C-alpha atoms as a PDB file:
ATOM      1  CA  MET A   1     -22.058  -7.674   1.335  1.00  0.00           C
ATOM      2  CA  GLU A   2     -19.549  -6.764  -1.385  1.00  0.00           C
ATOM      3  CA  LEU A   3     -19.967  -8.190  -4.905  1.00  0.00           C
ATOM      4  CA  PRO A   4     -16.543  -9.699  -5.705  1.00  0.00           C
ATOM      5  CA  TRP A   5     -17.317 -10.430  -9.370  1.00  0.00           C
ATOM      6  CA  LEU A   6     -17.461  -6.642  -9.898  1.00  0.00           C
ATOM      7  CA  GLN A   7     -13.851  -6.201  -8.762  1.00  0.00           C
ATOM      8  CA  ASP A   8     -12.473  -5.606 -12.268  1.00  0.00           C
ATOM      9  CA  PHE A   9     -15.228  -3.103 -13.009  1.00  0.00           C
ATOM     10  CA  ALA A  10     -14.552  -1.245  -9.746  1.00  0.00           C
ATOM     11  CA  ALA A  11     -10.801  -1.174 -10.307  1.00  0.00           C
ATOM     12  CA  GLN A  12     -11.151   0.187 -13.843  1.00  0.00           C
ATOM     13  CA  TRP A  13     -13.655   2.809 -12.751  1.00  0.00           C
ATOM     14  CA  SER A  14     -11.480   3.905  -9.824  1.00  0.00           C
ATOM     15  CA  GLU A  15      -8.447   4.172 -12.093  1.00  0.00           C
ATOM     16  CA  ALA A  16     -10.362   6.250 -14.640  1.00  0.00           C
ATOM     17  CA  THR A  17     -11.723   8.664 -12.046  1.00  0.00           C
ATOM     18  CA  ALA A  18      -8.343   9.055 -10.341  1.00  0.00           C
ATOM     19  CA  ALA A  19      -6.795   9.948 -13.699  1.00  0.00           C
ATOM     20  CA  GLY A  20      -9.553  12.427 -14.520  1.00  0.00           C
ATOM     21  CA  ARG A  21     -10.935  10.211 -17.297  1.00  0.00           C
ATOM     22  CA  GLU A  22     -14.383   9.684 -15.786  1.00  0.00           C
ATOM     23  CA  PRO A  23     -16.984   9.692 -18.581  1.00  0.00           C
ATOM     24  CA  HIS A  24     -19.989  11.950 -18.162  1.00  0.00           C
ATOM     25  CA  ALA A  25     -22.501   9.350 -19.368  1.00  0.00           C
ATOM     26  CA  VAL A  26     -22.350   5.613 -18.664  1.00  0.00           C
ATOM     27  CA  LEU A  27     -24.668   2.813 -19.733  1.00  0.00           C
ATOM     28  CA  LEU A  28     -24.610  -0.150 -17.340  1.00  0.00           C
ATOM     29  CA  SER A  29     -25.985  -3.299 -18.955  1.00  0.00           C
ATOM     30  CA  GLY A  30     -26.132  -6.951 -18.010  1.00  0.00           C
ATOM     31  CA  PRO A  31     -28.616  -9.620 -16.931  1.00  0.00           C
ATOM     32  CA  PRO A  32     -31.007  -9.075 -14.023  1.00  0.00           C
ATOM     33  CA  GLY A  33     -29.430 -10.007 -10.711  1.00  0.00           C
ATOM     34  CA  VAL A  34     -25.810  -9.231 -11.574  1.00  0.00           C
ATOM     35  CA  GLY A  35     -25.635  -6.008  -9.521  1.00  0.00           C
ATOM     36  CA  LYS A  36     -26.180  -3.140 -11.956  1.00  0.00           C
ATOM     37  CA  ARG A  37     -28.170  -0.977  -9.552  1.00  0.00           C
ATOM     38  CA  ALA A  38     -25.722  -1.621  -6.741  1.00  0.00           C
ATOM     39  CA  ALA A  39     -22.923  -0.574  -9.114  1.00  0.00           C
ATOM     40  CA  ALA A  40     -24.801   2.598 -10.076  1.00  0.00           C
ATOM     41  CA  ALA A  41     -25.287   3.515  -6.408  1.00  0.00           C
ATOM     42  CA  TRP A  42     -21.566   2.911  -5.765  1.00  0.00           C
ATOM     43  CA  MET A  43     -20.556   5.115  -8.710  1.00  0.00           C
ATOM     44  CA  VAL A  44     -22.664   8.095  -7.647  1.00  0.00           C
ATOM     45  CA  ARG A  45     -21.542   7.743  -4.026  1.00  0.00           C
ATOM     46  CA  ARG A  46     -17.941   8.107  -5.144  1.00  0.00           C
ATOM     47  CA  LYS A  47     -18.834  11.000  -7.429  1.00  0.00           C
ATOM     48  CA  LEU A  48     -20.554  12.936  -4.645  1.00  0.00           C
ATOM     49  CA  GLY A  49     -18.041  12.131  -1.891  1.00  0.00           C
ATOM     50  CA  LEU A  50     -20.401   9.895   0.075  1.00  0.00           C
ATOM     51  CA  PRO A  51     -19.060   6.915   2.067  1.00  0.00           C
ATOM     52  CA  ALA A  52     -18.487   3.989  -0.290  1.00  0.00           C
ATOM     53  CA  ASP A  53     -17.046   0.491   0.122  1.00  0.00           C
ATOM     54  CA  ALA A  54     -14.182  -0.678  -2.036  1.00  0.00           C
ATOM     55  CA  LEU A  55     -16.687  -2.627  -4.147  1.00  0.00           C
ATOM     56  CA  PRO A  56     -20.401  -2.320  -4.884  1.00  0.00           C
ATOM     57  CA  ALA A  57     -22.378  -4.131  -2.205  1.00  0.00           C
ATOM     58  CA  TRP A  58     -25.788  -5.773  -1.887  1.00  0.00           C
ATOM     59  CA  PRO A  59     -28.324  -5.138  -0.559  1.00  0.00           C
ATOM     60  CA  PHE A  60     -27.788  -1.431  -1.104  1.00  0.00           C
ATOM     61  CA  GLU A  61     -29.593   1.703  -0.027  1.00  0.00           C
ATOM     62  CA  ARG A  62     -30.282   4.337  -2.610  1.00  0.00           C
ATOM     63  CA  PRO A  63     -27.997   7.298  -1.792  1.00  0.00           C
ATOM     64  CA  GLN A  64     -29.621  10.493  -0.548  1.00  0.00           C
ATOM     65  CA  HIS A  65     -27.925  13.717  -1.622  1.00  0.00           C
ATOM     66  CA  ALA A  66     -28.987  17.175  -2.762  1.00  0.00           C
ATOM     67  CA  ASP A  67     -26.943  16.797  -5.974  1.00  0.00           C
ATOM     68  CA  LEU A  68     -28.365  13.369  -6.876  1.00  0.00           C
ATOM     69  CA  ARG A  69     -31.435  12.544  -8.955  1.00  0.00           C
ATOM     70  CA  TRP A  70     -32.640   8.922  -9.208  1.00  0.00           C
ATOM     71  CA  LEU A  71     -35.208   8.557 -11.991  1.00  0.00           C
ATOM     72  CA  GLU A  72     -37.564   5.571 -12.280  1.00  0.00           C
ATOM     73  CA  ARG A  73     -40.695   4.709 -14.221  1.00  0.00           C
ATOM     74  CA  PRO A  74     -43.909   5.587 -12.349  1.00  0.00           C
ATOM     75  CA  GLU A  75     -45.624   2.490 -10.990  1.00  0.00           C
ATOM     76  CA  ASP A  76     -48.762   3.095 -13.045  1.00  0.00           C
ATOM     77  CA  ARG A  77     -47.003   3.945 -16.311  1.00  0.00           C
ATOM     78  CA  HIS A  78     -45.488   1.940 -19.146  1.00  0.00           C
ATOM     79  CA  ALA A  79     -42.585   4.339 -19.693  1.00  0.00           C
ATOM     80  CA  ILE A  80     -40.417   7.007 -18.140  1.00  0.00           C
ATOM     81  CA  LEU A  81     -42.200  10.207 -19.132  1.00  0.00           C
ATOM     82  CA  ILE A  82     -40.812  13.199 -21.008  1.00  0.00           C
ATOM     83  CA  ASP A  83     -41.785  15.519 -18.137  1.00  0.00           C
ATOM     84  CA  GLN A  84     -39.659  13.431 -15.762  1.00  0.00           C
ATOM     85  CA  VAL A  85     -36.642  13.771 -18.057  1.00  0.00           C
ATOM     86  CA  ARG A  86     -37.208  17.495 -18.533  1.00  0.00           C
ATOM     87  CA  GLU A  87     -37.321  17.970 -14.762  1.00  0.00           C
ATOM     88  CA  LEU A  88     -34.117  15.944 -14.433  1.00  0.00           C
ATOM     89  CA  VAL A  89     -32.347  17.996 -17.108  1.00  0.00           C
ATOM     90  CA  ALA A  90     -33.429  21.247 -15.430  1.00  0.00           C
ATOM     91  CA  GLY A  91     -32.125  20.031 -12.069  1.00  0.00           C
ATOM     92  CA  LEU A  92     -28.744  19.069 -13.539  1.00  0.00           C
ATOM     93  CA  ALA A  93     -28.365  22.583 -14.964  1.00  0.00           C
ATOM     94  CA  LEU A  94     -28.492  24.126 -11.484  1.00  0.00           C
ATOM     95  CA  THR A  95     -25.353  24.907  -9.495  1.00  0.00           C
ATOM     96  CA  SER A  96     -24.029  22.028  -7.413  1.00  0.00           C
ATOM     97  CA  TYR A  97     -24.962  22.380  -3.729  1.00  0.00           C
ATOM     98  CA  GLU A  98     -21.654  20.994  -2.452  1.00  0.00           C
ATOM     99  CA  GLY A  99     -19.371  21.842  -5.355  1.00  0.00           C
ATOM    100  CA  ARG A 100     -18.581  18.264  -6.423  1.00  0.00           C
ATOM    101  CA  GLY A 101     -20.903  18.333  -9.423  1.00  0.00           C
ATOM    102  CA  LYS A 102     -24.170  16.552 -10.100  1.00  0.00           C
ATOM    103  CA  ALA A 103     -25.137  12.897 -10.549  1.00  0.00           C
ATOM    104  CA  ALA A 104     -28.198  11.110 -11.874  1.00  0.00           C
ATOM    105  CA  VAL A 105     -29.287   7.511 -12.283  1.00  0.00           C
ATOM    106  CA  ILE A 106     -31.978   6.500 -14.790  1.00  0.00           C
ATOM    107  CA  GLU A 107     -33.309   2.987 -14.306  1.00  0.00           C
ATOM    108  CA  PRO A 108     -34.380   1.147 -16.206  1.00  0.00           C
ATOM    109  CA  ALA A 109     -33.206   3.351 -19.060  1.00  0.00           C
ATOM    110  CA  ASN A 110     -34.915   1.019 -21.539  1.00  0.00           C
ATOM    111  CA  ALA A 111     -38.232   2.278 -20.098  1.00  0.00           C
ATOM    112  CA  MET A 112     -37.713   5.676 -21.757  1.00  0.00           C
ATOM    113  CA  ASN A 113     -39.986   6.200 -24.744  1.00  0.00           C
ATOM    114  CA  ALA A 114     -38.850   8.008 -27.885  1.00  0.00           C
ATOM    115  CA  ASN A 115     -39.869  11.444 -26.606  1.00  0.00           C
ATOM    116  CA  SER A 116     -38.217  11.107 -23.200  1.00  0.00           C
ATOM    117  CA  ALA A 117     -35.052   9.686 -24.801  1.00  0.00           C
ATOM    118  CA  ASN A 118     -34.899  12.624 -27.218  1.00  0.00           C
ATOM    119  CA  ALA A 119     -35.267  15.051 -24.307  1.00  0.00           C
ATOM    120  CA  LEU A 120     -32.079  13.612 -22.810  1.00  0.00           C
ATOM    121  CA  LEU A 121     -29.884  13.789 -25.923  1.00  0.00           C
ATOM    122  CA  LYS A 122     -28.614  17.359 -25.554  1.00  0.00           C
ATOM    123  CA  THR A 123     -27.612  16.710 -21.938  1.00  0.00           C
ATOM    124  CA  LEU A 124     -25.750  13.560 -22.992  1.00  0.00           C
ATOM    125  CA  GLU A 125     -23.902  15.546 -25.672  1.00  0.00           C
ATOM    126  CA  GLU A 126     -23.185  18.654 -23.569  1.00  0.00           C
ATOM    127  CA  PRO A 127     -23.521  17.851 -19.861  1.00  0.00           C
ATOM    128  CA  PRO A 128     -23.632  20.924 -17.625  1.00  0.00           C
ATOM    129  CA  GLY A 129     -20.633  21.369 -15.348  1.00  0.00           C
ATOM    130  CA  SER A 130     -19.272  18.243 -13.698  1.00  0.00           C
ATOM    131  CA  THR A 131     -22.098  15.767 -14.275  1.00  0.00           C
ATOM    132  CA  LEU A 132     -22.276  11.987 -14.109  1.00  0.00           C
ATOM    133  CA  LEU A 133     -25.243  10.278 -15.751  1.00  0.00           C
ATOM    134  CA  VAL A 134     -25.631   6.533 -15.130  1.00  0.00           C
ATOM    135  CA  LEU A 135     -28.180   4.700 -17.257  1.00  0.00           C
ATOM    136  CA  VAL A 136     -29.099   1.187 -16.104  1.00  0.00           C
ATOM    137  CA  ALA A 137     -30.542  -1.148 -18.747  1.00  0.00           C
ATOM    138  CA  ASP A 138     -31.714  -4.739 -18.434  1.00  0.00           C
ATOM    139  CA  ARG A 139     -32.478  -4.980 -22.161  1.00  0.00           C
ATOM    140  CA  LEU A 140     -30.479  -2.941 -24.680  1.00  0.00           C
ATOM    141  CA  GLY A 141     -32.775  -3.770 -27.579  1.00  0.00           C
ATOM    142  CA  ARG A 142     -35.290  -1.148 -26.470  1.00  0.00           C
ATOM    143  CA  LEU A 143     -32.785   1.714 -26.258  1.00  0.00           C
ATOM    144  CA  PRO A 144     -32.536   3.984 -29.313  1.00  0.00           C
ATOM    145  CA  ALA A 145     -29.211   4.153 -31.126  1.00  0.00           C
ATOM    146  CA  THR A 146     -29.009   7.875 -30.328  1.00  0.00           C
ATOM    147  CA  ILE A 147     -28.723   7.029 -26.626  1.00  0.00           C
ATOM    148  CA  LEU A 148     -26.323   4.113 -27.127  1.00  0.00           C
ATOM    149  CA  SER A 149     -23.925   6.220 -29.200  1.00  0.00           C
ATOM    150  CA  ARG A 150     -23.659   8.932 -26.534  1.00  0.00           C
ATOM    151  CA  CYS A 151     -22.801   6.723 -23.560  1.00  0.00           C
ATOM    152  CA  GLN A 152     -19.776   4.704 -22.533  1.00  0.00           C
ATOM    153  CA  ARG A 153     -21.122   1.201 -22.288  1.00  0.00           C
ATOM    154  CA  ILE A 154     -20.088  -1.033 -19.386  1.00  0.00           C
ATOM    155  CA  THR A 155     -21.378  -4.608 -19.399  1.00  0.00           C
ATOM    156  CA  LEU A 156     -21.545  -6.412 -16.058  1.00  0.00           C
ATOM    157  CA  ARG A 157     -21.433 -10.187 -16.501  1.00  0.00           C
ATOM    158  CA  VAL A 158     -22.416 -13.067 -14.256  1.00  0.00           C
ATOM    159  CA  PRO A 159     -19.507 -14.654 -12.374  1.00  0.00           C
ATOM    160  CA  PRO A 160     -18.359 -18.267 -12.794  1.00  0.00           C
ATOM    161  CA  GLU A 161     -20.681 -20.684 -11.044  1.00  0.00           C
ATOM    162  CA  SER A 162     -18.143 -21.466  -8.313  1.00  0.00           C
ATOM    163  CA  GLU A 163     -17.746 -17.778  -7.444  1.00  0.00           C
ATOM    164  CA  GLY A 164     -21.500 -17.245  -7.364  1.00  0.00           C
ATOM    165  CA  LEU A 165     -21.969 -20.246  -5.080  1.00  0.00           C
ATOM    166  CA  ALA A 166     -19.220 -19.049  -2.725  1.00  0.00           C
ATOM    167  CA  TRP A 167     -20.828 -15.603  -2.426  1.00  0.00           C
ATOM    168  CA  LEU A 168     -24.275 -17.075  -1.788  1.00  0.00           C
ATOM    169  CA  ASP A 169     -22.887 -19.413   0.858  1.00  0.00           C
ATOM    170  CA  ARG A 170     -21.362 -16.435   2.676  1.00  0.00           C
ATOM    171  CA  LEU A 171     -24.680 -14.622   2.406  1.00  0.00           C
ATOM    172  CA  ARG A 172     -26.699 -17.506   3.862  1.00  0.00           C
ATOM    173  CA  PRO A 173     -24.461 -20.366   4.969  1.00  0.00           C
ATOM    174  CA  GLY A 174     -25.682 -23.911   4.701  1.00  0.00           C
ATOM    175  CA  MET A 175     -28.357 -23.411   2.045  1.00  0.00           C
ATOM    176  CA  ALA A 176     -28.426 -25.562  -1.092  1.00  0.00           C
ATOM    177  CA  TRP A 177     -27.688 -22.825  -3.630  1.00  0.00           C
ATOM    178  CA  ALA A 178     -26.795 -24.817  -6.755  1.00  0.00           C
ATOM    179  CA  GLU A 179     -30.345 -25.178  -8.071  1.00  0.00           C
ATOM    180  CA  PRO A 180     -31.494 -21.590  -7.376  1.00  0.00           C
ATOM    181  CA  LEU A 181     -28.330 -20.259  -9.023  1.00  0.00           C
ATOM    182  CA  ARG A 182     -29.002 -22.393 -12.108  1.00  0.00           C
ATOM    183  CA  MET A 183     -32.621 -21.225 -12.157  1.00  0.00           C
ATOM    184  CA  ALA A 184     -31.339 -17.621 -12.065  1.00  0.00           C
ATOM    185  CA  GLY A 185     -29.015 -18.061 -15.032  1.00  0.00           C
ATOM    186  CA  LEU A 186     -25.966 -17.882 -12.700  1.00  0.00           C
ATOM    187  CA  ALA A 187     -26.840 -14.340 -11.568  1.00  0.00           C
ATOM    188  CA  PRO A 188     -26.194 -14.486  -7.790  1.00  0.00           C
ATOM    189  CA  ILE A 189     -28.574 -11.732  -6.677  1.00  0.00           C
ATOM    190  CA  ALA A 190     -31.375 -13.201  -8.782  1.00  0.00           C
ATOM    191  CA  ALA A 191     -30.615 -16.570  -7.162  1.00  0.00           C
ATOM    192  CA  VAL A 192     -31.694 -15.136  -3.795  1.00  0.00           C
ATOM    193  CA  THR A 193     -35.185 -14.554  -5.184  1.00  0.00           C
ATOM    194  CA  ALA A 194     -35.138 -17.881  -7.002  1.00  0.00           C
ATOM    195  CA  ALA A 195     -34.379 -19.675  -3.733  1.00  0.00           C
ATOM    196  CA  GLU A 196     -37.427 -18.083  -2.146  1.00  0.00           C
ATOM    197  CA  HIS A 197     -39.568 -19.336  -5.023  1.00  0.00           C
ATOM    198  CA  LEU A 198     -37.762 -22.571  -5.845  1.00  0.00           C
ATOM    199  CA  ASP A 199     -40.842 -24.774  -5.655  1.00  0.00           C
ATOM    200  CA  ALA A 200     -42.706 -22.422  -7.994  1.00  0.00           C
ATOM    201  CA  CYS A 201     -39.766 -22.361 -10.454  1.00  0.00           C
ATOM    202  CA  ASN A 202     -39.548 -26.142 -10.508  1.00  0.00           C
ATOM    203  CA  ALA A 203     -43.307 -26.387 -10.998  1.00  0.00           C
ATOM    204  CA  MET A 204     -43.185 -23.997 -13.959  1.00  0.00           C
ATOM    205  CA  ALA A 205     -40.360 -26.009 -15.533  1.00  0.00           C
ATOM    206  CA  ARG A 206     -42.475 -29.154 -15.192  1.00  0.00           C
ATOM    207  CA  ASP A 207     -45.467 -27.301 -16.657  1.00  0.00           C
ATOM    208  CA  LEU A 208     -43.489 -26.189 -19.725  1.00  0.00           C
ATOM    209  CA  ALA A 209     -42.249 -29.734 -20.287  1.00  0.00           C
ATOM    210  CA  ALA A 210     -45.783 -31.107 -19.940  1.00  0.00           C
ATOM    211  CA  VAL A 211     -47.243 -28.525 -22.345  1.00  0.00           C
ATOM    212  CA  ALA A 212     -44.504 -29.207 -24.892  1.00  0.00           C
ATOM    213  CA  GLY A 213     -45.156 -32.957 -24.673  1.00  0.00           C
ATOM    214  CA  GLY A 214     -48.930 -32.627 -24.925  1.00  0.00           C
ATOM    215  CA  ASP A 215     -49.393 -33.872 -21.359  1.00  0.00           C
ATOM    216  CA  ALA A 216     -50.920 -30.643 -20.013  1.00  0.00           C
ATOM    217  CA  SER A 217     -53.402 -28.110 -21.355  1.00  0.00           C
ATOM    218  CA  PRO A 218     -51.955 -24.631 -22.086  1.00  0.00           C
ATOM    219  CA  ILE A 219     -55.222 -23.135 -20.847  1.00  0.00           C
ATOM    220  CA  ASP A 220     -55.039 -24.969 -17.508  1.00  0.00           C
ATOM    221  CA  VAL A 221     -51.368 -24.081 -17.016  1.00  0.00           C
ATOM    222  CA  ALA A 222     -52.055 -20.428 -17.870  1.00  0.00           C
ATOM    223  CA  GLU A 223     -54.806 -20.351 -15.251  1.00  0.00           C
ATOM    224  CA  SER A 224     -52.363 -21.711 -12.667  1.00  0.00           C
ATOM    225  CA  TRP A 225     -49.572 -19.289 -13.632  1.00  0.00           C
ATOM    226  CA  ALA A 226     -51.950 -16.311 -13.535  1.00  0.00           C
ATOM    227  CA  LYS A 227     -52.322 -16.829  -9.771  1.00  0.00           C
ATOM    228  CA  GLN A 228     -48.663 -15.873  -9.302  1.00  0.00           C
ATOM    229  CA  GLU A 229     -47.042 -12.459  -9.611  1.00  0.00           C
ATOM    230  CA  PRO A 230     -46.825 -11.821 -13.398  1.00  0.00           C
ATOM    231  CA  GLY A 231     -43.405 -10.148 -13.262  1.00  0.00           C
ATOM    232  CA  PHE A 232     -41.899 -13.141 -11.478  1.00  0.00           C
ATOM    233  CA  VAL A 233     -43.333 -15.608 -14.026  1.00  0.00           C
ATOM    234  CA  LEU A 234     -42.260 -13.562 -17.039  1.00  0.00           C
ATOM    235  CA  GLU A 235     -38.736 -12.948 -15.710  1.00  0.00           C
ATOM    236  CA  TRP A 236     -38.254 -16.667 -15.027  1.00  0.00           C
ATOM    237  CA  LEU A 237     -39.613 -17.590 -18.457  1.00  0.00           C
ATOM    238  CA  ALA A 238     -37.413 -14.991 -20.187  1.00  0.00           C
ATOM    239  CA  ARG A 239     -34.283 -16.439 -18.554  1.00  0.00           C
ATOM    240  CA  GLN A 240     -35.120 -19.941 -19.768  1.00  0.00           C
ATOM    241  CA  ILE A 241     -35.869 -18.865 -23.333  1.00  0.00           C
ATOM    242  CA  GLU A 242     -32.801 -16.596 -23.507  1.00  0.00           C
ATOM    243  CA  SER A 243     -30.569 -19.482 -22.449  1.00  0.00           C
ATOM    244  CA  ALA A 244     -32.172 -21.758 -25.041  1.00  0.00           C
ATOM    245  CA  ALA A 245     -31.860 -19.110 -27.775  1.00  0.00           C
ATOM    246  CA  ARG A 246     -28.165 -18.589 -27.065  1.00  0.00           C
ATOM    247  CA  ALA A 247     -27.549 -22.308 -27.202  1.00  0.00           C
ATOM    248  CA  ALA A 248     -29.422 -22.530 -30.527  1.00  0.00           C
ATOM    249  CA  VAL A 249     -27.123 -19.893 -32.055  1.00  0.00           C
ATOM    250  CA  ALA A 250     -23.739 -20.613 -30.481  1.00  0.00           C
ATOM    251  CA  GLY A 251     -24.051 -24.198 -29.280  1.00  0.00           C
ATOM    252  CA  PRO A 252     -24.750 -25.736 -25.866  1.00  0.00           C
ATOM    253  CA  GLN A 253     -21.664 -24.105 -24.335  1.00  0.00           C
ATOM    254  CA  ALA A 254     -23.382 -20.694 -24.697  1.00  0.00           C
ATOM    255  CA  ALA A 255     -26.381 -21.685 -22.595  1.00  0.00           C
ATOM    256  CA  VAL A 256     -26.601 -20.212 -19.101  1.00  0.00           C
ATOM    257  CA  HIS A 257     -27.760 -23.391 -17.401  1.00  0.00           C
ATOM    258  CA  GLY A 258     -31.488 -22.996 -17.987  1.00  0.00           C
ATOM    259  CA  ALA A 259     -34.007 -25.172 -16.177  1.00  0.00           C
ATOM    260  CA  LEU A 260     -35.502 -26.697 -19.332  1.00  0.00           C
ATOM    261  CA  PRO A 261     -34.151 -30.106 -20.390  1.00  0.00           C
ATOM    262  CA  ASP A 262     -32.806 -30.666 -23.907  1.00  0.00           C
ATOM    263  CA  SER A 263     -35.638 -33.101 -24.636  1.00  0.00           C
ATOM    264  CA  VAL A 264     -38.098 -30.194 -24.334  1.00  0.00           C
ATOM    265  CA  LEU A 265     -36.040 -27.659 -26.291  1.00  0.00           C
ATOM    266  CA  GLN A 266     -35.496 -30.096 -29.144  1.00  0.00           C
ATOM    267  CA  ARG A 267     -39.241 -29.976 -29.805  1.00  0.00           C
ATOM    268  CA  MET A 268     -39.107 -26.210 -30.400  1.00  0.00           C
ATOM    269  CA  ASP A 269     -38.483 -24.436 -33.708  1.00  0.00           C
ATOM    270  CA  SER A 270     -35.226 -22.780 -32.669  1.00  0.00           C
ATOM    271  CA  ARG A 271     -35.558 -20.144 -35.428  1.00  0.00           C
ATOM    272  CA  ASN A 272     -38.398 -18.580 -33.474  1.00  0.00           C
ATOM    273  CA  LEU A 273     -36.883 -18.554 -29.990  1.00  0.00           C
ATOM    274  CA  PHE A 274     -35.682 -14.936 -30.200  1.00  0.00           C
ATOM    275  CA  CYS A 275     -39.070 -13.763 -31.478  1.00  0.00           C
ATOM    276  CA  TYR A 276     -40.709 -15.642 -28.626  1.00  0.00           C
ATOM    277  CA  LEU A 277     -38.297 -14.007 -26.177  1.00  0.00           C
ATOM    278  CA  ASP A 278     -39.137 -10.606 -27.636  1.00  0.00           C
ATOM    279  CA  ARG A 279     -42.839 -11.203 -26.954  1.00  0.00           C
ATOM    280  CA  ILE A 280     -42.081 -12.130 -23.348  1.00  0.00           C
ATOM    281  CA  ASN A 281     -39.927  -9.034 -22.889  1.00  0.00           C
ATOM    282  CA  ARG A 282     -42.623  -6.768 -24.320  1.00  0.00           C
ATOM    283  CA  LEU A 283     -45.004  -8.098 -21.703  1.00  0.00           C
ATOM    284  CA  ARG A 284     -42.359  -7.571 -19.013  1.00  0.00           C
ATOM    285  CA  GLY A 285     -42.097  -3.939 -20.062  1.00  0.00           C
ATOM    286  CA  GLN A 286     -45.803  -3.243 -19.578  1.00  0.00           C
ATOM    287  CA  PRO A 287     -47.077  -1.922 -16.242  1.00  0.00           C
ATOM    288  CA  GLY A 288     -49.263  -4.083 -14.044  1.00  0.00           C
ATOM    289  CA  GLY A 289     -52.921  -4.040 -14.976  1.00  0.00           C
ATOM    290  CA  SER A 290     -52.311  -2.979 -18.592  1.00  0.00           C
ATOM    291  CA  PHE A 291     -52.999  -6.426 -20.061  1.00  0.00           C
ATOM    292  CA  ASN A 292     -55.022  -9.548 -19.281  1.00  0.00           C
ATOM    293  CA  VAL A 293     -52.468 -11.767 -17.572  1.00  0.00           C
ATOM    294  CA  GLN A 294     -54.239 -15.087 -18.096  1.00  0.00           C
ATOM    295  CA  LEU A 295     -54.905 -14.406 -21.793  1.00  0.00           C
ATOM    296  CA  ALA A 296     -51.277 -13.366 -22.294  1.00  0.00           C
ATOM    297  CA  PHE A 297     -50.058 -16.588 -20.648  1.00  0.00           C
ATOM    298  CA  GLU A 298     -52.515 -18.612 -22.733  1.00  0.00           C
ATOM    299  CA  GLY A 299     -51.090 -17.104 -25.927  1.00  0.00           C
ATOM    300  CA  LEU A 300     -47.519 -17.879 -24.908  1.00  0.00           C
ATOM    301  CA  LEU A 301     -48.299 -21.432 -23.817  1.00  0.00           C
ATOM    302  CA  ILE A 302     -50.438 -22.309 -26.842  1.00  0.00           C
ATOM    303  CA  ASP A 303     -47.511 -21.353 -29.075  1.00  0.00           C
ATOM    304  CA  TRP A 304     -45.187 -23.362 -26.841  1.00  0.00           C
ATOM    305  CA  ALA A 305     -47.472 -26.374 -27.284  1.00  0.00           C
ATOM    306  CA  THR A 306     -47.116 -26.089 -31.079  1.00  0.00           C
ATOM    307  CA  GLY A 307     -43.329 -26.107 -30.822  1.00  0.00           C
ATOM    308  CA  LEU A 308     -43.277 -22.415 -31.898  1.00  0.00           C
ATOM    309  CA  ARG A 309     -44.556 -23.381 -35.338  1.00  0.00           C
ATOM    310  CA  GLY A 310     -47.819 -23.874 -37.173  1.00  0.00           C
ATOM    311  CA  PRO A 311     -51.060 -21.885 -37.589  1.00  0.00           C
ATOM    312  CA  ALA A 312     -51.254 -20.877 -33.933  1.00  0.00           C
ATOM    313  CA  MET A 313     -48.166 -18.733 -34.458  1.00  0.00           C
ATOM    314  CA  GLY A 314     -49.954 -16.248 -36.675  1.00  0.00           C
ATOM    315  CA  HIS A 315     -51.766 -14.105 -34.124  1.00  0.00           C
ATOM    316  CA  SER A 316     -51.327 -13.045 -30.538  1.00  0.00           C
ATOM    317  CA  HIS A 317     -53.853 -13.486 -27.734  1.00  0.00           C
ATOM    318  CA  THR A 318     -52.841 -10.036 -26.474  1.00  0.00           C
ATOM    319  CA  GLY A 319     -53.788  -8.391 -29.755  1.00  0.00           C
ATOM    320  CA  GLN A 320     -50.187  -7.873 -30.892  1.00  0.00           C
ATOM    321  CA  ALA A 321     -49.057  -9.064 -34.296  1.00  0.00           C
ATOM    322  CA  ARG A 322     -46.414 -11.781 -34.361  1.00  0.00           C
ATOM    323  CA  THR A 323     -43.572 -12.089 -36.816  1.00  0.00           C
ATOM    324  CA  TYR A 324     -42.010 -15.519 -36.978  1.00  0.00           C
ATOM    325  CA  GLY A 325     -39.926 -17.368 -39.523  1.00  0.00           C
END
């Protein structure tokens, strides 16, 4: 089903390509669940002359084409490897099979380490022939400035709540979408997953409130959370903390309708919310099995119980140093 909130993006991209102003390197950024990967697939379809709808659509199938490379992080690795990037660069230097040029998608681009990012720089500066490189990033903070400066950045934003609800109702009519959409930070695609795990999301929100109020043990809650899929827990937690951090900086109007009530957030040292979010995102960036999930959750929840202040903030249960105000 087409993603109507990407209409402006699609129109601007179509206009640029029709006028011969298509950039050779694009960085697609935005929150999880807004449609970045669907947009990347749509862009390379148009580049390579494959059938494409008027707008990016979801769910999407990754295009298959001799002139397309789609680069991802290996399942058992923390980062996209330099050998993967070198192989990609070598493939882009070859002659196009069908004469329309080459295309590549790197996602998530923020999974490139310093070496793999450096291996891509020359191609970003001097792309061979007619090449389109699309980098998809969920978190820009982990991308080096050398990559950012060589790409045209396109930010895909969540739609207004009413538009997101209308799309979800067309996707699955009759469901109560308001709460899952709020849980997902108004990102409609993420709301589909949130709806499937709504009870778990609500339970985690209650757990955080109970830990903050001293009504639940961080150790017990961590043990319960560790029974779920770590990526799901960390993504949900990151959305809540990001919404709270934005509200702390720019006022309540900047919040993206997080699940945590104001009474809980008022107990937190707002100066440390971004540092706390950074810790969560570092864990999200690690491959499965590379850290002790329960210990990591214990560290996060113990700090949450202190209101993100006090002696417990000095050292991490995952062995990583913390830097807080």
